[in-house]
């Protein structure tokens, strides 16, 4: 009975409404039929092209040759003057922190090395290191101790007097709140923030870490660098860049889980790291902090 009542409603529509309703049904049926023909009657059109074994081997050989060329290019060592090494350059050359400290102390005494033998005696590097990097050392005439001594003798007495009166450089890793407040522009809040940042990383390994303390202006940082340096760096357990996991890398200062994952992903795609310069190719890695990050890493051959 209910069906008959619904059927009688059909007679209340006009002739044009009835034709439109029937046309709509026909269009839906035609579309469904076309979809059936496209996706079920002709399945071959959806097949993906599969490489043969020979084609796969050829592509793999091409990729291997490109990887070898890229590795050779990244492993290029350029000539350098050991008298003007920086922390970052030293670690790129696989120099230990102890060897760098001995070299820097030798330079602070107004002395310069002028031969590979003298460099080895000062730093105490191994014969294997000298065989690998010794041939890239260059010694310019400006690095000789005689030139430096003549320059010191010709300097005005007033300059020498100012140097004598200047305060000795202090260790930032033993600095106190009161000592830091002696720097113009640093109050109780900023001095405590510096100590908190230092404790967060277990001590500063590079003086540039002061540049990333929130609230320090450029002028204050320049003054800090004139009075403080990293004289007693903390003992750091270096991570093997080619073996470290995401959980290991994320705990390194200035890295997080996302950056650690990107480093591991890069290593899986391009093979083991040859040198730390390759870290610059990691997406979104902080380039201004990469020389500090590299101090916590090593590459074991």
Protein backbone atom coordinates (compact mmCIF):
# COMPACT_ATOMS: atom_id res chain seq x y z
CA UNK A 1 0.00 0.00 0.00
CA UNK A 2 2.84 2.35 0.88
CA UNK A 3 4.52 1.55 -2.46
CA UNK A 4 1.36 2.48 -4.31
CA UNK A 5 1.21 5.83 -2.47
CA UNK A 6 4.81 6.61 -3.53
CA UNK A 7 4.06 5.56 -7.09
CA UNK A 8 1.07 7.88 -7.29
CA UNK A 9 3.36 10.82 -6.40
CA UNK A 10 4.99 10.33 -9.80
CA UNK A 11 1.88 11.77 -11.45
CA UNK A 12 2.27 15.06 -9.56
CA UNK A 13 5.52 15.90 -11.49
CA UNK A 14 5.33 17.80 -14.76
CA UNK A 15 6.35 16.21 -18.02
CA UNK A 16 9.67 18.13 -18.18
CA UNK A 17 10.54 17.09 -14.61
CA UNK A 18 9.91 13.44 -15.48
CA UNK A 19 12.14 13.70 -18.55
CA UNK A 20 14.92 15.35 -16.53
CA UNK A 21 14.78 12.66 -13.87
CA UNK A 22 15.00 9.90 -16.52
CA UNK A 23 17.90 11.70 -18.28
CA UNK A 24 19.78 11.90 -15.00
CA UNK A 25 19.43 8.16 -14.48
CA UNK A 26 20.68 7.50 -18.01
CA UNK A 27 23.75 9.76 -17.52
CA UNK A 28 24.67 7.96 -14.30
CA UNK A 29 24.36 4.59 -16.03
CA UNK A 30 26.53 5.74 -18.98
CA UNK A 31 29.26 7.07 -16.65
CA UNK A 32 29.30 3.85 -14.65
CA UNK A 33 29.60 1.88 -17.87
CA UNK A 34 32.55 3.96 -19.07
CA UNK A 35 34.32 3.52 -15.77
CA UNK A 36 33.83 -0.21 -16.01
CA UNK A 37 35.33 -0.27 -19.51
CA UNK A 38 38.36 1.84 -18.49
CA UNK A 39 39.32 0.07 -15.28
CA UNK A 40 38.20 -3.49 -15.77
CA UNK A 41 37.90 -4.28 -19.46
CA UNK A 42 41.40 -2.88 -20.29
CA UNK A 43 43.66 -3.74 -17.31
CA UNK A 44 46.83 -3.67 -19.50
CA UNK A 45 46.70 0.14 -19.61
CA UNK A 46 47.45 0.22 -15.86
CA UNK A 47 50.56 -1.95 -15.99
CA UNK A 48 53.87 -0.33 -15.01
CA UNK A 49 56.99 -0.78 -17.06
CA UNK A 50 59.42 -3.21 -15.40
CA UNK A 51 63.16 -2.98 -16.03
CA UNK A 52 64.97 -6.05 -17.20
CA UNK A 53 67.88 -7.43 -15.18
CA UNK A 54 70.37 -6.08 -17.75
CA UNK A 55 68.88 -2.60 -17.57
CA UNK A 56 68.99 -2.68 -13.77
CA UNK A 57 72.66 -3.72 -13.80
CA UNK A 58 73.51 -0.93 -16.24
CA UNK A 59 71.79 1.73 -14.10
CA UNK A 60 73.51 0.40 -10.98
CA UNK A 61 76.93 0.65 -12.66
CA UNK A 62 76.20 4.25 -13.64
CA UNK A 63 75.15 5.13 -10.09
CA UNK A 64 78.27 3.50 -8.64
CA UNK A 65 80.56 5.44 -10.99
CA UNK A 66 78.84 8.73 -10.14
CA UNK A 67 79.16 8.00 -6.42
CA UNK A 68 82.90 7.30 -6.77
CA UNK A 69 83.42 10.56 -8.66
CA UNK A 70 81.47 12.52 -6.03
CA UNK A 71 83.47 10.91 -3.22
CA UNK A 72 86.79 11.79 -4.84
CA UNK A 73 85.69 15.38 -5.29
CA UNK A 74 84.56 15.74 -1.67
CA UNK A 75 87.76 14.18 -0.36
CA UNK A 76 89.95 16.84 -1.98
CA UNK A 77 92.49 18.36 0.41
CA UNK A 78 93.73 21.84 -0.41
CA UNK A 79 97.15 23.23 0.61
CA UNK A 80 97.12 24.92 4.02
CA UNK A 81 99.47 26.82 6.28
CA UNK A 82 99.56 25.01 9.66
CA UNK A 83 100.47 28.24 11.44
CA UNK A 84 97.00 29.63 10.76
CA UNK A 85 94.82 26.63 11.46
CA UNK A 86 91.48 27.23 13.16
CA UNK A 87 89.54 24.85 15.38
CA UNK A 88 87.19 23.95 12.56
CA UNK A 89 89.93 23.44 9.97
CA UNK A 90 91.92 21.37 12.45
CA UNK A 91 89.05 19.02 13.09
CA UNK A 92 88.40 18.73 9.36
CA UNK A 93 92.03 17.55 9.11
CA UNK A 94 91.38 15.00 11.90
CA UNK A 95 93.67 16.71 14.39
CA UNK A 96 92.97 15.84 18.02
CA UNK A 97 92.05 18.53 20.54
CA UNK A 98 95.33 17.96 22.37
CA UNK A 99 97.37 18.53 19.20
CA UNK A 100 95.46 21.73 18.44
CA UNK A 101 95.92 23.00 22.00
CA UNK A 102 99.68 22.47 21.76
CA UNK A 103 99.79 24.28 18.41
CA UNK A 104 97.75 27.23 19.71
CA UNK A 105 99.93 27.51 22.82
CA UNK A 106 103.02 27.53 20.58
CA UNK A 107 101.52 30.33 18.50
CA UNK A 108 100.56 32.39 21.55
CA UNK A 109 104.24 32.40 22.48
CA UNK A 110 104.92 34.28 19.21
CA UNK A 111 106.53 31.22 17.65
CA UNK A 112 105.74 29.65 14.30
CA UNK A 113 106.58 26.32 12.70
CA UNK A 114 108.45 26.48 9.40
CA UNK A 115 108.72 22.79 8.47
CA UNK A 116 106.73 19.59 8.64
CA UNK A 117 109.22 18.18 11.13
CA UNK A 118 108.75 21.18 13.44
CA UNK A 119 104.98 20.81 13.16
CA UNK A 120 105.15 17.18 14.19
CA UNK A 121 107.42 17.97 17.14
CA UNK A 122 105.07 20.69 18.40
CA UNK A 123 101.77 18.85 17.96
CA UNK A 124 102.91 15.27 18.47
CA UNK A 125 100.87 13.91 15.55
CA UNK A 126 101.55 10.39 14.29
CA UNK A 127 103.54 9.37 11.24
CA UNK A 128 100.35 8.12 9.59
CA UNK A 129 98.83 11.60 9.91
CA UNK A 130 101.95 13.22 8.47
CA UNK A 131 101.98 10.84 5.52
CA UNK A 132 98.35 11.70 4.78
CA UNK A 133 98.40 15.48 5.29
CA UNK A 134 102.06 16.53 5.49
CA UNK A 135 102.47 16.98 1.75
CA UNK A 136 99.70 19.61 1.72
CA UNK A 137 101.47 21.96 4.16
CA UNK A 138 102.86 25.24 2.87
CA UNK A 139 105.00 27.69 4.82
CA UNK A 140 104.96 31.30 3.63
CA UNK A 141 107.66 33.79 4.47
CA UNK A 142 105.31 35.74 6.73
CA UNK A 143 105.10 32.79 9.11
CA UNK A 144 108.80 32.75 10.03
CA UNK A 145 109.66 33.66 13.60
CA UNK A 146 112.28 36.16 12.42
CA UNK A 147 109.70 38.27 10.62
CA UNK A 148 107.44 38.19 13.66
CA UNK A 149 110.27 39.20 15.97
CA UNK A 150 111.14 42.18 13.75
CA UNK A 151 107.50 43.26 13.75
CA UNK A 152 107.40 43.13 17.55
CA UNK A 153 110.59 45.22 17.81
CA UNK A 154 109.20 47.89 15.50
CA UNK A 155 105.92 48.26 17.35
CA UNK A 156 105.41 51.50 19.32
CA UNK A 157 106.10 51.32 23.06
CA UNK A 158 102.56 52.44 23.81
CA UNK A 159 101.17 49.33 22.10
CA UNK A 160 103.49 47.10 24.13
CA UNK A 161 102.47 48.85 27.34
CA UNK A 162 98.77 48.36 26.60
CA UNK A 163 99.36 44.66 25.97
CA UNK A 164 101.16 44.27 29.30
CA UNK A 165 98.41 46.08 31.19
CA UNK A 166 95.63 44.07 29.54
CA UNK A 167 93.96 41.41 31.66
CA UNK A 168 94.82 37.78 30.96
CA UNK A 169 92.33 35.67 29.09
CA UNK A 170 90.05 33.73 31.45
CA UNK A 171 88.47 30.32 30.98
CA UNK A 172 84.78 30.54 30.06
CA UNK A 173 84.21 27.05 31.50
CA UNK A 174 85.21 28.25 34.98
CA UNK A 175 83.60 31.69 34.75
CA UNK A 176 81.30 32.79 37.56
CA UNK A 177 78.22 34.99 37.65
CA UNK A 178 80.19 37.76 39.35
CA UNK A 179 83.04 37.55 36.84
CA UNK A 180 80.73 37.74 33.85
CA UNK A 181 78.94 40.76 35.28
CA UNK A 182 82.23 42.60 35.02
CA UNK A 183 81.62 42.74 31.25
CA UNK A 184 79.77 45.88 30.24
CA UNK A 185 76.26 44.97 29.11
CA UNK A 186 75.95 41.74 31.13
CA UNK A 187 73.76 41.75 34.19
CA UNK A 188 72.52 39.04 36.58
CA UNK A 189 70.05 37.59 34.06
CA UNK A 190 72.47 37.28 31.13
CA UNK A 191 75.32 35.99 33.27
CA UNK A 192 73.10 33.26 34.72
CA UNK A 193 71.82 32.45 31.24
CA UNK A 194 75.41 31.93 30.03
CA UNK A 195 76.13 29.54 32.89
CA UNK A 196 72.87 27.66 32.32
CA UNK A 197 73.71 27.27 28.63
CA UNK A 198 77.21 26.06 29.53
CA UNK A 199 75.84 23.51 32.01
CA UNK A 200 73.28 22.35 29.45
CA UNK A 201 76.06 21.24 27.06
CA UNK A 202 78.37 19.98 29.80
CA UNK A 203 80.81 22.84 29.17
CA UNK A 204 81.71 24.84 26.08
CA UNK A 205 83.89 23.14 23.47
CA UNK A 206 84.18 26.30 21.34
CA UNK A 207 84.02 29.95 22.28
CA UNK A 208 81.58 30.61 19.40
CA UNK A 209 78.88 28.91 21.47
CA UNK A 210 78.51 32.23 23.30
CA UNK A 211 77.11 33.67 20.07
CA UNK A 212 74.03 31.48 20.42
CA UNK A 213 73.11 32.50 23.96
CA UNK A 214 69.81 34.33 23.74
CA UNK A 215 69.95 38.02 24.59
CA UNK A 216 73.65 38.72 23.98
CA UNK A 217 74.21 41.60 21.56
CA UNK A 218 77.03 41.65 19.02
CA UNK A 219 78.91 44.31 21.00
CA UNK A 220 78.74 42.25 24.22
CA UNK A 221 79.89 39.12 22.39
CA UNK A 222 82.91 40.96 20.96
CA UNK A 223 83.87 42.10 24.48
CA UNK A 224 83.39 38.59 25.84
CA UNK A 225 85.67 37.12 23.21
CA UNK A 226 88.35 39.61 24.23
CA UNK A 227 88.29 38.41 27.85
CA UNK A 228 87.27 34.76 27.70
CA UNK A 229 88.30 31.64 25.78
CA UNK A 230 87.89 27.86 26.06
CA UNK A 231 91.04 27.00 28.01
CA UNK A 232 89.80 23.74 29.57
CA UNK A 233 87.43 22.07 27.11
CA UNK A 234 85.23 19.30 28.52
CA UNK A 235 85.97 15.68 27.79
CA UNK A 236 83.73 14.78 24.87
CA UNK A 237 82.87 11.23 23.81
CA UNK A 238 83.12 11.55 20.04
CA UNK A 239 80.46 9.79 17.98
CA UNK A 240 81.36 7.89 14.84
CA UNK A 241 79.47 9.73 12.12
CA UNK A 242 79.20 6.57 10.04
CA UNK A 243 77.86 4.39 12.87
CA UNK A 244 75.78 6.74 15.06
CA UNK A 245 72.03 6.20 15.19
CA UNK A 246 69.29 8.81 15.24
CA UNK A 247 68.98 8.51 19.02
CA UNK A 248 72.74 9.10 19.38
CA UNK A 249 72.88 12.12 17.07
CA UNK A 250 69.84 13.90 18.45
CA UNK A 251 71.64 14.48 21.78
CA UNK A 252 74.49 16.46 20.17
CA UNK A 253 74.27 20.22 20.83
CA UNK A 254 72.25 22.12 18.21
CA UNK A 255 70.87 18.92 16.68
CA UNK A 256 67.39 17.47 17.16
CA UNK A 257 65.50 14.38 16.10
CA UNK A 258 64.61 15.80 12.69
CA UNK A 259 68.21 16.80 11.83
CA UNK A 260 69.57 13.50 13.18
CA UNK A 261 67.14 11.62 10.97
CA UNK A 262 68.21 13.68 7.94
CA UNK A 263 71.89 12.84 8.63
CA UNK A 264 71.14 9.12 8.81
CA UNK A 265 68.98 9.35 5.68
CA UNK A 266 71.79 11.10 3.80
CA UNK A 267 74.24 8.41 4.91
CA UNK A 268 71.95 5.61 3.72
CA UNK A 269 71.49 7.25 0.31
CA UNK A 270 75.08 8.37 -0.38
CA UNK A 271 77.16 5.89 1.60
CA UNK A 272 79.54 6.58 4.50
CA UNK A 273 80.75 10.11 5.15
CA UNK A 274 84.24 10.79 3.81
CA UNK A 275 84.73 14.11 5.61
CA UNK A 276 82.69 16.41 7.80
CA UNK A 277 82.26 18.96 5.03
CA UNK A 278 79.49 16.73 3.70
CA UNK A 279 77.35 17.80 6.66
CA UNK A 280 76.78 21.06 4.78
CA UNK A 281 74.66 19.12 2.28
CA UNK A 282 72.14 18.08 4.95
CA UNK A 283 68.85 19.92 4.48
CA UNK A 284 68.09 22.59 7.11
CA UNK A 285 71.25 21.93 9.16
CA UNK A 286 72.42 25.19 10.84
CA UNK A 287 75.49 26.17 8.82
CA UNK A 288 76.60 28.76 11.40
CA UNK A 289 76.80 26.00 14.05
CA UNK A 290 78.20 23.18 11.94
CA UNK A 291 81.81 23.80 13.04
CA UNK A 292 80.68 23.26 16.64
CA UNK A 293 78.59 20.19 15.81
CA UNK A 294 81.60 18.64 14.07
CA UNK A 295 83.60 18.81 17.33
CA UNK A 296 81.34 16.09 18.74
CA UNK A 297 81.80 13.80 15.72
CA UNK A 298 84.58 11.76 14.18
CA UNK A 299 84.99 9.65 11.06
CA UNK A 300 86.64 6.29 11.53
CA UNK A 301 88.11 4.70 8.44
